Amino acid sequence: MTDGIQATLEQALEDAQDDDSDGDGLSEDLLLEAIDAYFEGTDDVDEQVATLNALRERLHELSPFQEPVEHIKWVKQEDVEGNDYNPNEVATPEMDLLHKSIKEDGYTQPIVTYEVGDGEFEVVDGYHRTLIGKTRDDIRERLHDHVPVTVIDKPREERMSSTIRHNRARGTHQIRDMSELVVDLYDDGGWDDERIMEELGMERDEVLRLKQVSGLKEAFAGHEFSQSWTEYEDRHGDDGDE
């Protein structure tokens, strides 16, 4: 609990005891009153944000729910940067639509990030939501130069697979760039076909074809691709266009 709310709460407890000698001490109402009093006493946005994040951190520690979405924090947009492996691209009309969505409905989803250290965050999912917060003045001003994030703590190759899963669920991953990620996981991450299939929700033929697209065609000479890949291409096309 922050020092400011702690002091406010102690004063509220003292006042409650003075008013009612039989008071039962800390209650939900008293706690909420202390929080109300604290926030009413300051209009410093940075201080308010720091307090909100500290409260959410403590609540998350005590919560029976340990899902990332249960712990959303506000961070300075300048401290959130994209990763170097996400092949998801959004055309200008879709970016304009995303801007309108955030303008009209607000941020209904936080940005999924990894904390790289020193208060800096790398986007795992939500780069375009981050970009809207940074580049559209109306959103940036409304959020006081902050964006909402959740944090996951995973090694790089698992963050890459998280990015792919998020994008594939939306049908937005581009096949050619995605092939480079699969080879990355295979070569640098040491993942075999089975793990790639399991982690990314792919059929074996999809994994093999993505390797082939990357330029490793000689490794798959004579392999016959099944109907599952044909159906995948029919849905997404060679370049992953929707």
Protein backbone atom coordinates (compact mmCIF):
# COMPACT_ATOMS: atom_id res chain seq x y z
CA MET A 1 0.00 0.00 0.00
CA THR A 2 1.34 3.45 -0.84
CA ASP A 3 2.51 5.76 1.92
CA GLY A 4 -0.15 8.35 1.05
CA ILE A 5 -3.05 5.93 1.33
CA GLN A 6 -1.47 4.36 4.43
CA ALA A 7 -1.41 7.76 6.14
CA THR A 8 -4.96 8.55 5.01
CA LEU A 9 -6.16 5.17 6.26
CA GLU A 10 -4.49 5.59 9.63
CA GLN A 11 -6.17 8.96 10.05
CA ALA A 12 -9.53 7.46 9.02
CA LEU A 13 -9.11 4.66 11.54
CA GLU A 14 -8.25 7.14 14.27
CA ASP A 15 -11.31 9.26 13.43
CA ALA A 16 -13.53 6.16 13.38
CA GLN A 17 -12.29 5.07 16.79
CA ASP A 18 -12.93 8.55 18.19
CA ASP A 19 -16.49 8.50 16.85
CA ASP A 20 -17.27 4.94 17.94
CA SER A 21 -15.36 3.34 20.76
CA ASP A 22 -16.81 -0.03 19.75
CA GLY A 23 -15.56 0.28 16.16
CA ASP A 24 -14.43 -2.96 14.58
CA GLY A 25 -11.33 -1.43 12.98
CA LEU A 26 -10.61 -1.76 9.28
CA SER A 27 -13.61 -2.40 7.05
CA GLU A 28 -14.22 -2.40 3.32
CA ASP A 29 -16.07 0.91 3.56
CA LEU A 30 -13.25 2.51 5.53
CA LEU A 31 -10.66 1.28 3.07
CA LEU A 32 -12.63 2.68 0.13
CA GLU A 33 -13.13 5.97 1.95
CA ALA A 34 -9.37 6.23 2.50
CA ILE A 35 -8.73 5.63 -1.20
CA ASP A 36 -11.36 8.22 -2.12
CA ALA A 37 -9.82 10.75 0.24
CA TYR A 38 -6.33 10.14 -1.11
CA PHE A 39 -7.26 10.62 -4.76
CA GLU A 40 -9.38 13.65 -3.98
CA GLY A 41 -6.32 15.18 -2.35
CA THR A 42 -4.07 15.14 -5.43
CA ASP A 43 -4.44 16.07 -9.09
CA ASP A 44 -0.91 15.02 -10.04
CA VAL A 45 -1.45 12.43 -12.79
CA ASP A 46 1.95 10.78 -12.35
CA GLU A 47 1.31 10.37 -8.64
CA GLN A 48 -2.16 8.98 -9.29
CA VAL A 49 -0.83 6.51 -11.85
CA ALA A 50 1.94 5.35 -9.51
CA THR A 51 -0.64 4.80 -6.76
CA LEU A 52 -3.03 2.96 -9.07
CA ASN A 53 -0.23 0.66 -10.22
CA ALA A 54 0.91 0.03 -6.64
CA LEU A 55 -2.64 -0.81 -5.55
CA ARG A 56 -3.17 -3.14 -8.48
CA GLU A 57 0.16 -4.82 -7.78
CA ARG A 58 -0.87 -5.52 -4.19
CA LEU A 59 -4.36 -6.66 -5.20
CA HIS A 60 -2.83 -8.98 -7.79
CA GLU A 61 -0.59 -10.52 -5.14
CA LEU A 62 -3.64 -11.21 -2.96
CA SER A 63 -6.05 -12.19 -5.73
CA PRO A 64 -7.16 -15.79 -6.31
CA PHE A 65 -6.83 -15.01 -10.03
CA GLN A 66 -3.29 -14.92 -11.34
CA GLU A 67 -4.12 -14.30 -14.99
CA PRO A 68 -2.14 -11.50 -16.71
CA VAL A 69 -5.37 -9.64 -17.52
CA GLU A 70 -6.09 -9.42 -13.80
CA HIS A 71 -3.05 -7.18 -13.42
CA ILE A 72 -3.21 -4.24 -15.80
CA LYS A 73 -0.82 -1.35 -15.28
CA TRP A 74 -0.45 2.04 -16.94
CA VAL A 75 3.01 2.82 -18.29
CA LYS A 76 4.49 5.73 -20.21
CA GLN A 77 4.07 5.10 -23.93
CA GLU A 78 7.71 6.03 -24.53
CA ASP A 79 8.68 3.01 -22.42
CA VAL A 80 6.81 0.54 -24.68
CA GLU A 81 8.46 -0.56 -27.94
CA GLY A 82 7.65 -3.14 -30.59
CA ASN A 83 9.56 -6.38 -30.98
CA ASP A 84 11.72 -7.30 -33.97
CA TYR A 85 9.92 -10.49 -34.95
CA ASN A 86 6.22 -9.72 -35.43
CA PRO A 87 5.26 -10.02 -39.12
CA ASN A 88 1.71 -8.77 -38.59
CA GLU A 89 1.02 -5.67 -40.69
CA VAL A 90 -2.11 -3.55 -40.78
CA ALA A 91 -3.03 -1.36 -43.76
CA THR A 92 -3.93 2.30 -43.32
CA PRO A 93 -7.74 1.82 -43.53
CA GLU A 94 -7.59 -0.81 -40.78
CA MET A 95 -5.39 1.46 -38.66
CA ASP A 96 -7.93 4.24 -39.09
CA LEU A 97 -10.66 1.83 -38.03
CA LEU A 98 -8.61 0.78 -34.99
CA HIS A 99 -8.17 4.45 -34.11
CA LYS A 100 -11.92 5.01 -34.34
CA SER A 101 -12.57 1.93 -32.23
CA ILE A 102 -10.24 3.12 -29.47
CA LYS A 103 -11.59 6.65 -29.77
CA GLU A 104 -15.21 5.54 -29.43
CA ASP A 105 -14.92 2.48 -27.19
CA GLY A 106 -11.65 3.07 -25.36
CA TYR A 107 -8.93 0.48 -24.82
CA THR A 108 -10.96 -2.70 -24.31
CA GLN A 109 -7.80 -4.84 -24.47
CA PRO A 110 -4.46 -4.12 -22.83
CA ILE A 111 -1.17 -4.46 -24.69
CA VAL A 112 0.62 -7.72 -23.89
CA THR A 113 4.25 -7.01 -23.04
CA TYR A 114 7.48 -8.39 -21.67
CA GLU A 115 9.44 -6.25 -19.21
CA VAL A 116 12.96 -6.01 -20.54
CA GLY A 117 14.23 -4.10 -17.50
CA ASP A 118 14.67 -0.55 -16.24
CA GLY A 119 10.94 0.07 -16.60
CA GLU A 120 10.94 -0.64 -20.34
CA PHE A 121 8.56 -3.02 -22.07
CA GLU A 122 8.59 -4.98 -25.35
CA VAL A 123 5.30 -5.65 -27.12
CA VAL A 124 4.29 -9.29 -27.45
CA ASP A 125 0.81 -8.56 -28.78
CA GLY A 126 -0.87 -5.23 -29.47
CA TYR A 127 1.76 -3.27 -31.38
CA HIS A 128 -0.87 -1.44 -33.41
CA ARG A 129 -2.81 -0.54 -30.26
CA THR A 130 0.49 0.84 -28.95
CA LEU A 131 1.05 2.78 -32.16
CA ILE A 132 -2.41 4.36 -31.98
CA GLY A 133 -1.69 5.52 -28.43
CA LYS A 134 1.60 7.04 -29.52
CA THR A 135 0.72 8.65 -32.83
CA ARG A 136 -2.89 9.79 -32.60
CA ASP A 137 -2.92 13.03 -30.63
CA ASP A 138 -6.47 12.70 -29.34
CA ILE A 139 -5.75 9.28 -27.81
CA ARG A 140 -2.31 10.26 -26.54
CA GLU A 141 -3.67 13.32 -24.78
CA ARG A 142 -6.65 11.45 -23.37
CA LEU A 143 -4.34 8.85 -21.83
CA HIS A 144 -1.80 11.40 -20.57
CA ASP A 145 0.94 9.72 -22.66
CA HIS A 146 0.28 6.32 -21.08
CA VAL A 147 -0.88 2.96 -22.44
CA PRO A 148 -2.42 -0.02 -20.58
CA VAL A 149 -0.29 -3.16 -20.45
CA THR A 150 -0.20 -6.63 -19.01
CA VAL A 151 3.12 -8.40 -18.55
CA ILE A 152 4.16 -11.98 -19.27
CA ASP A 153 7.54 -13.36 -18.28
CA LYS A 154 8.79 -15.82 -20.91
CA PRO A 155 12.04 -16.41 -22.83
CA ARG A 156 12.27 -14.93 -26.32
CA GLU A 157 11.27 -18.03 -28.30
CA GLU A 158 8.16 -18.50 -26.16
CA ARG A 159 7.27 -14.83 -26.62
CA MET A 160 7.59 -15.38 -30.36
CA SER A 161 5.16 -18.29 -30.19
CA SER A 162 2.79 -16.18 -28.08
CA THR A 163 2.84 -13.48 -30.77
CA ILE A 164 2.13 -16.03 -33.49
CA ARG A 165 -0.76 -17.57 -31.53
CA HIS A 166 -2.35 -14.17 -30.96
CA ASN A 167 -2.04 -13.26 -34.63
CA ARG A 168 -3.15 -16.62 -36.00
CA ALA A 169 -6.25 -16.47 -33.82
CA ARG A 170 -7.11 -13.23 -35.64
CA GLY A 171 -6.06 -14.61 -39.04
CA THR A 172 -3.50 -11.84 -39.60
CA HIS A 173 -0.12 -13.56 -39.82
CA GLN A 174 1.68 -13.33 -43.16
CA ILE A 175 2.93 -16.66 -44.39
CA ARG A 176 6.29 -15.54 -45.80
CA ASP A 177 7.36 -13.68 -42.65
CA MET A 178 5.87 -16.39 -40.47
CA SER A 179 8.11 -18.95 -42.21
CA GLU A 180 11.14 -17.02 -40.98
CA LEU A 181 9.84 -17.24 -37.42
CA VAL A 182 9.35 -20.99 -37.70
CA VAL A 183 12.93 -21.41 -38.93
CA ASP A 184 14.08 -19.13 -36.09
CA LEU A 185 12.34 -21.36 -33.54
CA TYR A 186 13.80 -24.43 -35.25
CA ASP A 187 17.39 -23.18 -35.57
CA ASP A 188 17.88 -20.78 -32.66
CA GLY A 189 15.27 -22.06 -30.22
CA GLY A 190 16.02 -25.73 -30.81
CA TRP A 191 12.34 -26.57 -31.26
CA ASP A 192 11.46 -29.68 -33.25
CA ASP A 193 8.45 -30.04 -35.53
CA GLU A 194 6.32 -31.57 -32.79
CA ARG A 195 6.85 -28.68 -30.41
CA ILE A 196 6.23 -26.10 -33.13
CA MET A 197 3.02 -27.92 -34.07
CA GLU A 198 1.86 -28.04 -30.45
CA GLU A 199 2.80 -24.49 -29.49
CA LEU A 200 1.55 -22.79 -32.67
CA GLY A 201 -1.49 -24.94 -33.37
CA MET A 202 -0.20 -26.10 -36.76
CA GLU A 203 -0.46 -29.26 -38.81
CA ARG A 204 2.80 -30.96 -39.76
CA ASP A 205 2.37 -29.97 -43.41
CA GLU A 206 2.04 -26.31 -42.42
CA VAL A 207 5.33 -26.44 -40.53
CA LEU A 208 7.08 -28.16 -43.43
CA ARG A 209 5.65 -25.75 -45.99
CA LEU A 210 6.70 -22.72 -43.93
CA LYS A 211 10.23 -24.10 -43.78
CA GLN A 212 10.08 -24.64 -47.53
CA VAL A 213 8.88 -21.08 -48.16
CA SER A 214 11.88 -19.84 -46.16
CA GLY A 215 14.25 -21.32 -48.74
CA LEU A 216 14.91 -24.75 -47.29
CA LYS A 217 13.20 -26.51 -50.18
CA GLU A 218 15.92 -29.13 -50.54
CA ALA A 219 15.06 -30.44 -47.07
CA PHE A 220 11.58 -31.39 -48.21
CA ALA A 221 12.13 -32.80 -51.69
CA GLY A 222 9.59 -35.47 -52.49
CA HIS A 223 7.28 -34.58 -49.61
CA GLU A 224 3.62 -34.64 -50.58
CA PHE A 225 1.57 -31.99 -48.85
CA SER A 226 -1.85 -33.05 -47.65
CA GLN A 227 -5.24 -31.43 -48.14
CA SER A 228 -4.80 -29.59 -44.83
CA TRP A 229 -2.19 -27.28 -46.38
CA THR A 230 -4.29 -26.73 -49.49
CA GLU A 231 -7.19 -25.69 -47.28
CA TYR A 232 -4.86 -23.40 -45.29
CA GLU A 233 -3.66 -21.69 -48.48
CA ASP A 234 -7.22 -21.32 -49.71
CA ARG A 235 -8.11 -19.48 -46.52
CA HIS A 236 -5.04 -17.24 -46.27
CA GLY A 237 -3.31 -17.15 -49.65
CA ASP A 238 0.45 -17.33 -50.21
CA ASP A 239 1.04 -13.90 -48.67
CA GLY A 240 -1.36 -14.28 -45.77
CA ASP A 241 -3.86 -11.74 -47.11
CA GLU A 242 -7.29 -11.89 -45.57
